[in-house]
Amino acid sequence: MALTAIVGDVHGCSAELEELLEQLRFVDGRDRLLFVGDLIARGPDSQGTLALARRLGSAAVRGNHEDRLLAGRRRAKALGSEHQRLAQALSVEEWAMLDAMPLWIELPEHGVLVVHAGVVPGLPLERTPPEALLKMRSIDSDDRWSDEPDAGPLWGSRYTGPPHVVFGHNARAGPQLHEWATGIDTGCVYGGRLTAVVLAEGQQMPRGAAARAVLRSVPARRTYYSARVGALPQ
């Protein structure tokens, strides 16, 4: 039976991605692979990750790191040294791959919406600022979206579906299991784990704590980027 795998923020951890796909017994041409964005940057092998994703015919929503590179290229926006090196190394095909990433992907057969960071509760998707889809983590005291993890409650705790939102961006030691939203950035690049939602053909996304049954993960082989390790809850 075909499966759909939605993988959390890879950040260039290509070895862990290969290990996760092996664990899932992923079959190219039968199964479907999607990413929540941030395939690149901070980890050891951004281009290898893109090559694997391209070879497997995957789809990915745009993450804030892909968006940062694209903004630098289109608007000559200043990039940090790491992103500048990556920008200089990317091929024409890799740039085209980043440019083609949409802000969201709908999977109606699973009742799922895939975005990178989140959706603003109560706001139609089409009216949501792209920056919110790429960066939001919480809802502040004025009921505005925020990129800060501690500005207020996590946005997923305020969101009511359908659809069920599968997202990344907000790296934590464990998945976020909200009633209508599941966060799967478990901080692989920071020494955590690489996590995926894995759904059988036609399976509806379980809600709340029941979503744990469809999660699979592998541990990071090491800590590749230490700046946010302390931000991961223990």
C-alpha atoms as a PDB file:
ATOM      1  CA  MET A   1       0.000   0.000   0.000  1.00  0.00           C
ATOM      2  CA  ALA A   2       1.298   3.462  -0.902  1.00  0.00           C
ATOM      3  CA  LEU A   3       2.182   5.846   1.888  1.00  0.00           C
ATOM      4  CA  THR A   4       2.551   9.607   2.225  1.00  0.00           C
ATOM      5  CA  ALA A   5       5.506  10.817   4.287  1.00  0.00           C
ATOM      6  CA  ILE A   6       5.657  14.452   5.425  1.00  0.00           C
ATOM      7  CA  VAL A   7       9.132  15.190   6.782  1.00  0.00           C
ATOM      8  CA  GLY A   8      10.070  17.908   9.256  1.00  0.00           C
ATOM      9  CA  ASP A   9      12.859  20.481   8.885  1.00  0.00           C
ATOM     10  CA  VAL A  10      15.877  18.627   7.441  1.00  0.00           C
ATOM     11  CA  HIS A  11      18.327  21.561   7.404  1.00  0.00           C
ATOM     12  CA  GLY A  12      20.838  19.689   5.302  1.00  0.00           C
ATOM     13  CA  CYS A  13      20.878  16.533   7.447  1.00  0.00           C
ATOM     14  CA  SER A  14      20.873  14.258   4.405  1.00  0.00           C
ATOM     15  CA  ALA A  15      22.233  11.190   6.220  1.00  0.00           C
ATOM     16  CA  GLU A  16      19.380  11.284   8.726  1.00  0.00           C
ATOM     17  CA  LEU A  17      16.884  11.772   5.890  1.00  0.00           C
ATOM     18  CA  GLU A  18      18.206   8.691   4.113  1.00  0.00           C
ATOM     19  CA  GLU A  19      18.042   6.720   7.371  1.00  0.00           C
ATOM     20  CA  LEU A  20      14.451   7.826   7.992  1.00  0.00           C
ATOM     21  CA  LEU A  21      13.368   6.820   4.487  1.00  0.00           C
ATOM     22  CA  GLU A  22      15.034   3.435   4.955  1.00  0.00           C
ATOM     23  CA  GLN A  23      13.159   2.987   8.240  1.00  0.00           C
ATOM     24  CA  LEU A  24       9.889   3.771   6.446  1.00  0.00           C
ATOM     25  CA  ARG A  25      10.766   1.355   3.615  1.00  0.00           C
ATOM     26  CA  PHE A  26       9.982   4.210   1.274  1.00  0.00           C
ATOM     27  CA  VAL A  27       9.586   3.056  -2.328  1.00  0.00           C
ATOM     28  CA  ASP A  28      10.331   5.581  -5.056  1.00  0.00           C
ATOM     29  CA  GLY A  29       7.515   5.638  -7.598  1.00  0.00           C
ATOM     30  CA  ARG A  30       4.988   4.146  -5.199  1.00  0.00           C
ATOM     31  CA  ASP A  31       5.133   6.374  -2.137  1.00  0.00           C
ATOM     32  CA  ARG A  32       4.822  10.151  -1.874  1.00  0.00           C
ATOM     33  CA  LEU A  33       7.327  12.398  -0.111  1.00  0.00           C
ATOM     34  CA  LEU A  34       6.704  15.939   1.115  1.00  0.00           C
ATOM     35  CA  PHE A  35       8.685  18.389   3.226  1.00  0.00           C
ATOM     36  CA  VAL A  36       7.573  21.207   5.537  1.00  0.00           C
ATOM     37  CA  GLY A  37      10.371  23.466   4.270  1.00  0.00           C
ATOM     38  CA  ASP A  38      13.851  24.370   5.527  1.00  0.00           C
ATOM     39  CA  LEU A  39      15.503  21.532   3.662  1.00  0.00           C
ATOM     40  CA  ILE A  40      18.655  23.644   3.607  1.00  0.00           C
ATOM     41  CA  ALA A  41      21.108  25.661   5.745  1.00  0.00           C
ATOM     42  CA  ARG A  42      22.724  25.072   9.145  1.00  0.00           C
ATOM     43  CA  GLY A  43      23.369  21.371   8.516  1.00  0.00           C
ATOM     44  CA  PRO A  44      26.178  19.573   6.695  1.00  0.00           C
ATOM     45  CA  ASP A  45      24.714  18.765   3.273  1.00  0.00           C
ATOM     46  CA  SER A  46      22.128  21.162   1.879  1.00  0.00           C
ATOM     47  CA  GLN A  47      22.831  20.307  -1.746  1.00  0.00           C
ATOM     48  CA  GLY A  48      22.791  16.578  -1.051  1.00  0.00           C
ATOM     49  CA  THR A  49      19.404  17.006   0.604  1.00  0.00           C
ATOM     50  CA  LEU A  50      18.053  18.885  -2.412  1.00  0.00           C
ATOM     51  CA  ALA A  51      19.448  16.227  -4.748  1.00  0.00           C
ATOM     52  CA  LEU A  52      17.757  13.424  -2.795  1.00  0.00           C
ATOM     53  CA  ALA A  53      14.472  15.320  -2.652  1.00  0.00           C
ATOM     54  CA  ARG A  54      14.626  15.974  -6.403  1.00  0.00           C
ATOM     55  CA  ARG A  55      15.541  12.360  -7.251  1.00  0.00           C
ATOM     56  CA  LEU A  56      12.542  11.072  -5.308  1.00  0.00           C
ATOM     57  CA  GLY A  57      10.127  13.472  -6.997  1.00  0.00           C
ATOM     58  CA  SER A  58       9.171  15.074  -3.706  1.00  0.00           C
ATOM     59  CA  ALA A  59       7.173  18.222  -3.058  1.00  0.00           C
ATOM     60  CA  ALA A  60       8.060  20.856  -0.457  1.00  0.00           C
ATOM     61  CA  VAL A  61       6.585  24.041   0.886  1.00  0.00           C
ATOM     62  CA  ARG A  62       8.913  27.013   1.192  1.00  0.00           C
ATOM     63  CA  GLY A  63      10.616  27.524   4.532  1.00  0.00           C
ATOM     64  CA  ASN A  64      12.062  30.733   5.898  1.00  0.00           C
ATOM     65  CA  HIS A  65      15.589  29.626   4.956  1.00  0.00           C
ATOM     66  CA  GLU A  66      14.641  28.995   1.326  1.00  0.00           C
ATOM     67  CA  ASP A  67      12.817  32.322   1.361  1.00  0.00           C
ATOM     68  CA  ARG A  68      15.888  34.077   2.756  1.00  0.00           C
ATOM     69  CA  LEU A  69      18.038  32.837  -0.101  1.00  0.00           C
ATOM     70  CA  LEU A  70      15.432  33.763  -2.697  1.00  0.00           C
ATOM     71  CA  ALA A  71      15.056  37.247  -1.213  1.00  0.00           C
ATOM     72  CA  GLY A  72      18.804  37.709  -1.370  1.00  0.00           C
ATOM     73  CA  ARG A  73      18.860  36.753  -5.014  1.00  0.00           C
ATOM     74  CA  ARG A  74      15.809  38.734  -6.139  1.00  0.00           C
ATOM     75  CA  ARG A  75      16.258  41.885  -4.105  1.00  0.00           C
ATOM     76  CA  ALA A  76      19.993  41.806  -3.444  1.00  0.00           C
ATOM     77  CA  LYS A  77      19.150  41.465   0.246  1.00  0.00           C
ATOM     78  CA  ALA A  78      22.187  41.031   2.478  1.00  0.00           C
ATOM     79  CA  LEU A  79      22.835  37.444   3.565  1.00  0.00           C
ATOM     80  CA  GLY A  80      24.858  36.090   6.440  1.00  0.00           C
ATOM     81  CA  SER A  81      28.065  34.296   5.596  1.00  0.00           C
ATOM     82  CA  GLU A  82      26.549  30.809   5.762  1.00  0.00           C
ATOM     83  CA  HIS A  83      23.650  31.639   3.460  1.00  0.00           C
ATOM     84  CA  GLN A  84      25.938  33.590   1.151  1.00  0.00           C
ATOM     85  CA  ARG A  85      28.201  30.568   0.696  1.00  0.00           C
ATOM     86  CA  LEU A  86      25.195  28.378  -0.021  1.00  0.00           C
ATOM     87  CA  ALA A  87      23.768  30.908  -2.478  1.00  0.00           C
ATOM     88  CA  GLN A  88      27.048  30.944  -4.392  1.00  0.00           C
ATOM     89  CA  ALA A  89      27.132  27.138  -4.546  1.00  0.00           C
ATOM     90  CA  LEU A  90      23.574  26.497  -5.781  1.00  0.00           C
ATOM     91  CA  SER A  91      23.107  25.420  -9.383  1.00  0.00           C
ATOM     92  CA  VAL A  92      20.500  26.769 -11.791  1.00  0.00           C
ATOM     93  CA  GLU A  93      18.421  23.625 -11.179  1.00  0.00           C
ATOM     94  CA  GLU A  94      18.640  24.043  -7.401  1.00  0.00           C
ATOM     95  CA  TRP A  95      17.561  27.685  -7.595  1.00  0.00           C
ATOM     96  CA  ALA A  96      14.608  26.635  -9.761  1.00  0.00           C
ATOM     97  CA  MET A  97      13.680  24.025  -7.166  1.00  0.00           C
ATOM     98  CA  LEU A  98      13.622  26.627  -4.376  1.00  0.00           C
ATOM     99  CA  ASP A  99      11.711  29.105  -6.512  1.00  0.00           C
ATOM    100  CA  ALA A 100       9.010  26.541  -7.297  1.00  0.00           C
ATOM    101  CA  MET A 101       8.216  25.803  -3.640  1.00  0.00           C
ATOM    102  CA  PRO A 102       4.692  27.033  -2.761  1.00  0.00           C
ATOM    103  CA  LEU A 103       3.695  28.510   0.587  1.00  0.00           C
ATOM    104  CA  TRP A 104       1.288  25.664   1.274  1.00  0.00           C
ATOM    105  CA  ILE A 105       0.270  22.263  -0.049  1.00  0.00           C
ATOM    106  CA  GLU A 106      -3.195  20.771   0.426  1.00  0.00           C
ATOM    107  CA  LEU A 107      -3.667  17.013   0.867  1.00  0.00           C
ATOM    108  CA  PRO A 108      -7.461  16.662   0.926  1.00  0.00           C
ATOM    109  CA  GLU A 109      -7.335  12.862   0.852  1.00  0.00           C
ATOM    110  CA  HIS A 110      -5.682  13.038   4.291  1.00  0.00           C
ATOM    111  CA  GLY A 111      -7.498  16.135   5.556  1.00  0.00           C
ATOM    112  CA  VAL A 112      -4.103  17.869   5.800  1.00  0.00           C
ATOM    113  CA  LEU A 113      -2.661  21.270   4.994  1.00  0.00           C
ATOM    114  CA  VAL A 114       1.148  21.499   4.948  1.00  0.00           C
ATOM    115  CA  VAL A 115       2.800  24.847   5.747  1.00  0.00           C
ATOM    116  CA  HIS A 116       6.214  25.741   7.072  1.00  0.00           C
ATOM    117  CA  ALA A 117       5.457  27.665  10.267  1.00  0.00           C
ATOM    118  CA  GLY A 118       1.742  28.022  10.832  1.00  0.00           C
ATOM    119  CA  VAL A 119      -1.580  29.639  10.023  1.00  0.00           C
ATOM    120  CA  VAL A 120      -3.258  32.518  11.795  1.00  0.00           C
ATOM    121  CA  PRO A 121      -6.306  31.174  13.667  1.00  0.00           C
ATOM    122  CA  GLY A 122      -9.539  32.567  12.250  1.00  0.00           C
ATOM    123  CA  LEU A 123      -7.896  34.137   9.177  1.00  0.00           C
ATOM    124  CA  PRO A 124      -8.537  32.662   5.720  1.00  0.00           C
ATOM    125  CA  LEU A 125      -5.431  31.096   4.280  1.00  0.00           C
ATOM    126  CA  GLU A 126      -5.526  33.299   1.185  1.00  0.00           C
ATOM    127  CA  ARG A 127      -5.423  36.427   3.382  1.00  0.00           C
ATOM    128  CA  THR A 128      -2.623  35.228   5.643  1.00  0.00           C
ATOM    129  CA  PRO A 129       0.604  37.233   5.279  1.00  0.00           C
ATOM    130  CA  PRO A 130       3.327  35.094   3.671  1.00  0.00           C
ATOM    131  CA  GLU A 131       5.664  36.095   6.492  1.00  0.00           C
ATOM    132  CA  ALA A 132       3.290  34.490   9.004  1.00  0.00           C
ATOM    133  CA  LEU A 133       3.187  31.234   7.035  1.00  0.00           C
ATOM    134  CA  LEU A 134       6.988  31.246   7.027  1.00  0.00           C
ATOM    135  CA  LYS A 135       7.824  32.420  10.550  1.00  0.00           C
ATOM    136  CA  MET A 136       5.027  32.364  13.124  1.00  0.00           C
ATOM    137  CA  ARG A 137       5.324  30.434  16.368  1.00  0.00           C
ATOM    138  CA  SER A 138       2.859  31.944  18.818  1.00  0.00           C
ATOM    139  CA  ILE A 139      -0.014  34.381  19.378  1.00  0.00           C
ATOM    140  CA  ASP A 140       0.908  37.457  21.420  1.00  0.00           C
ATOM    141  CA  SER A 141      -1.146  39.311  24.034  1.00  0.00           C
ATOM    142  CA  ASP A 142      -2.714  41.476  21.297  1.00  0.00           C
ATOM    143  CA  ASP A 143      -3.858  38.383  19.361  1.00  0.00           C
ATOM    144  CA  ARG A 144      -1.262  38.973  16.651  1.00  0.00           C
ATOM    145  CA  TRP A 145       1.002  36.296  15.256  1.00  0.00           C
ATOM    146  CA  SER A 146       4.584  36.315  16.486  1.00  0.00           C
ATOM    147  CA  ASP A 147       7.837  34.593  15.569  1.00  0.00           C
ATOM    148  CA  GLU A 148       8.771  34.546  19.248  1.00  0.00           C
ATOM    149  CA  PRO A 149       8.172  31.150  20.894  1.00  0.00           C
ATOM    150  CA  ASP A 150       7.220  32.727  24.235  1.00  0.00           C
ATOM    151  CA  ALA A 151       5.155  35.734  23.148  1.00  0.00           C
ATOM    152  CA  GLY A 152       2.002  33.862  24.161  1.00  0.00           C
ATOM    153  CA  PRO A 153       0.313  30.522  23.506  1.00  0.00           C
ATOM    154  CA  LEU A 154       1.549  28.444  20.597  1.00  0.00           C
ATOM    155  CA  TRP A 155      -0.582  29.231  17.565  1.00  0.00           C
ATOM    156  CA  GLY A 156      -1.582  25.557  17.193  1.00  0.00           C
ATOM    157  CA  SER A 157      -3.344  25.618  20.546  1.00  0.00           C
ATOM    158  CA  ARG A 158      -5.661  28.341  19.215  1.00  0.00           C
ATOM    159  CA  TYR A 159      -6.301  26.882  15.771  1.00  0.00           C
ATOM    160  CA  THR A 160      -9.470  24.951  14.968  1.00  0.00           C
ATOM    161  CA  GLY A 161      -9.711  22.946  11.764  1.00  0.00           C
ATOM    162  CA  PRO A 162     -10.387  21.359   9.469  1.00  0.00           C
ATOM    163  CA  PRO A 163      -8.014  20.984   7.774  1.00  0.00           C
ATOM    164  CA  HIS A 164      -5.376  19.542  10.079  1.00  0.00           C
ATOM    165  CA  VAL A 165      -2.162  21.557   9.715  1.00  0.00           C
ATOM    166  CA  VAL A 166       1.204  19.777   9.606  1.00  0.00           C
ATOM    167  CA  PHE A 167       4.056  22.234  10.107  1.00  0.00           C
ATOM    168  CA  GLY A 168       7.673  22.739  11.153  1.00  0.00           C
ATOM    169  CA  HIS A 169       9.822  25.790  11.978  1.00  0.00           C
ATOM    170  CA  ASN A 170       9.408  25.871  15.765  1.00  0.00           C
ATOM    171  CA  ALA A 171      12.126  23.407  16.803  1.00  0.00           C
ATOM    172  CA  ARG A 172      11.320  21.508  19.959  1.00  0.00           C
ATOM    173  CA  ALA A 173      12.525  18.321  21.594  1.00  0.00           C
ATOM    174  CA  GLY A 174       9.225  16.581  20.886  1.00  0.00           C
ATOM    175  CA  PRO A 175       6.381  17.015  18.403  1.00  0.00           C
ATOM    176  CA  GLN A 176       3.619  19.532  18.983  1.00  0.00           C
ATOM    177  CA  LEU A 177       0.384  17.563  19.278  1.00  0.00           C
ATOM    178  CA  HIS A 178      -2.468  20.050  19.119  1.00  0.00           C
ATOM    179  CA  GLU A 179      -6.030  18.999  18.346  1.00  0.00           C
ATOM    180  CA  TRP A 180      -5.906  20.352  14.781  1.00  0.00           C
ATOM    181  CA  ALA A 181      -2.182  20.965  14.218  1.00  0.00           C
ATOM    182  CA  THR A 182       0.907  18.768  14.445  1.00  0.00           C
ATOM    183  CA  GLY A 183       4.404  20.277  14.592  1.00  0.00           C
ATOM    184  CA  ILE A 184       7.206  17.990  13.417  1.00  0.00           C
ATOM    185  CA  ASP A 185      10.369  20.100  13.697  1.00  0.00           C
ATOM    186  CA  THR A 186      12.118  18.103  16.403  1.00  0.00           C
ATOM    187  CA  GLY A 187      15.464  19.826  15.955  1.00  0.00           C
ATOM    188  CA  CYS A 188      17.544  17.309  14.018  1.00  0.00           C
ATOM    189  CA  VAL A 189      20.188  19.892  13.106  1.00  0.00           C
ATOM    190  CA  TYR A 190      20.423  20.888  16.790  1.00  0.00           C
ATOM    191  CA  GLY A 191      21.103  17.316  17.907  1.00  0.00           C
ATOM    192  CA  GLY A 192      17.457  16.257  18.242  1.00  0.00           C
ATOM    193  CA  ARG A 193      15.555  14.009  15.851  1.00  0.00           C
ATOM    194  CA  LEU A 194      14.246  14.040  12.289  1.00  0.00           C
ATOM    195  CA  THR A 195      10.509  13.333  12.375  1.00  0.00           C
ATOM    196  CA  ALA A 196       7.893  12.490   9.746  1.00  0.00           C
ATOM    197  CA  VAL A 197       4.134  12.065   9.617  1.00  0.00           C
ATOM    198  CA  VAL A 198       3.463   8.807   7.780  1.00  0.00           C
ATOM    199  CA  LEU A 199      -0.030   8.143   6.457  1.00  0.00           C
ATOM    200  CA  ALA A 200      -1.404   5.135   4.606  1.00  0.00           C
ATOM    201  CA  GLU A 201      -3.294   5.651   1.381  1.00  0.00           C
ATOM    202  CA  GLY A 202      -6.529   7.519   2.144  1.00  0.00           C
ATOM    203  CA  GLN A 203      -5.851   7.652   5.901  1.00  0.00           C
ATOM    204  CA  GLN A 204      -7.154  10.742   7.689  1.00  0.00           C
ATOM    205  CA  MET A 205      -4.707  12.571   9.931  1.00  0.00           C
ATOM    206  CA  PRO A 206      -5.308  11.640  13.583  1.00  0.00           C
ATOM    207  CA  ARG A 207      -5.934  14.542  15.945  1.00  0.00           C
ATOM    208  CA  GLY A 208      -4.249  15.582  19.167  1.00  0.00           C
ATOM    209  CA  ALA A 209      -2.270  12.954  21.048  1.00  0.00           C
ATOM    210  CA  ALA A 210      -3.539  10.292  18.636  1.00  0.00           C
ATOM    211  CA  ALA A 211      -1.235  11.786  16.001  1.00  0.00           C
ATOM    212  CA  ARG A 212       1.705  10.204  17.801  1.00  0.00           C
ATOM    213  CA  ALA A 213       0.694   6.886  16.219  1.00  0.00           C
ATOM    214  CA  VAL A 214       1.603   8.149  12.730  1.00  0.00           C
ATOM    215  CA  LEU A 215       4.934   9.743  13.660  1.00  0.00           C
ATOM    216  CA  ARG A 216       8.288   8.151  12.887  1.00  0.00           C
ATOM    217  CA  SER A 217      11.717   9.579  13.671  1.00  0.00           C
ATOM    218  CA  VAL A 218      15.447   8.925  13.749  1.00  0.00           C
ATOM    219  CA  PRO A 219      18.030  10.554  16.038  1.00  0.00           C
ATOM    220  CA  ALA A 220      20.537  13.098  14.780  1.00  0.00           C
ATOM    221  CA  ARG A 221      23.988  11.633  14.325  1.00  0.00           C
ATOM    222  CA  ARG A 222      25.443  14.645  16.101  1.00  0.00           C
ATOM    223  CA  THR A 223      24.780  18.296  16.873  1.00  0.00           C
ATOM    224  CA  TYR A 224      25.482  20.219  13.676  1.00  0.00           C
ATOM    225  CA  TYR A 225      24.397  23.682  14.788  1.00  0.00           C
ATOM    226  CA  SER A 226      24.510  24.632  18.436  1.00  0.00           C
ATOM    227  CA  ALA A 227      23.033  28.135  18.573  1.00  0.00           C
ATOM    228  CA  ARG A 228      19.525  26.946  19.448  1.00  0.00           C
ATOM    229  CA  VAL A 229      20.157  23.752  21.337  1.00  0.00           C
ATOM    230  CA  GLY A 230      19.258  25.483  24.595  1.00  0.00           C
ATOM    231  CA  ALA A 231      15.930  26.517  23.082  1.00  0.00           C
ATOM    232  CA  LEU A 232      14.803  22.926  22.717  1.00  0.00           C
ATOM    233  CA  PRO A 233      12.605  21.943  25.687  1.00  0.00           C
ATOM    234  CA  GLN A 234      13.884  18.925  27.572  1.00  0.00           C
END
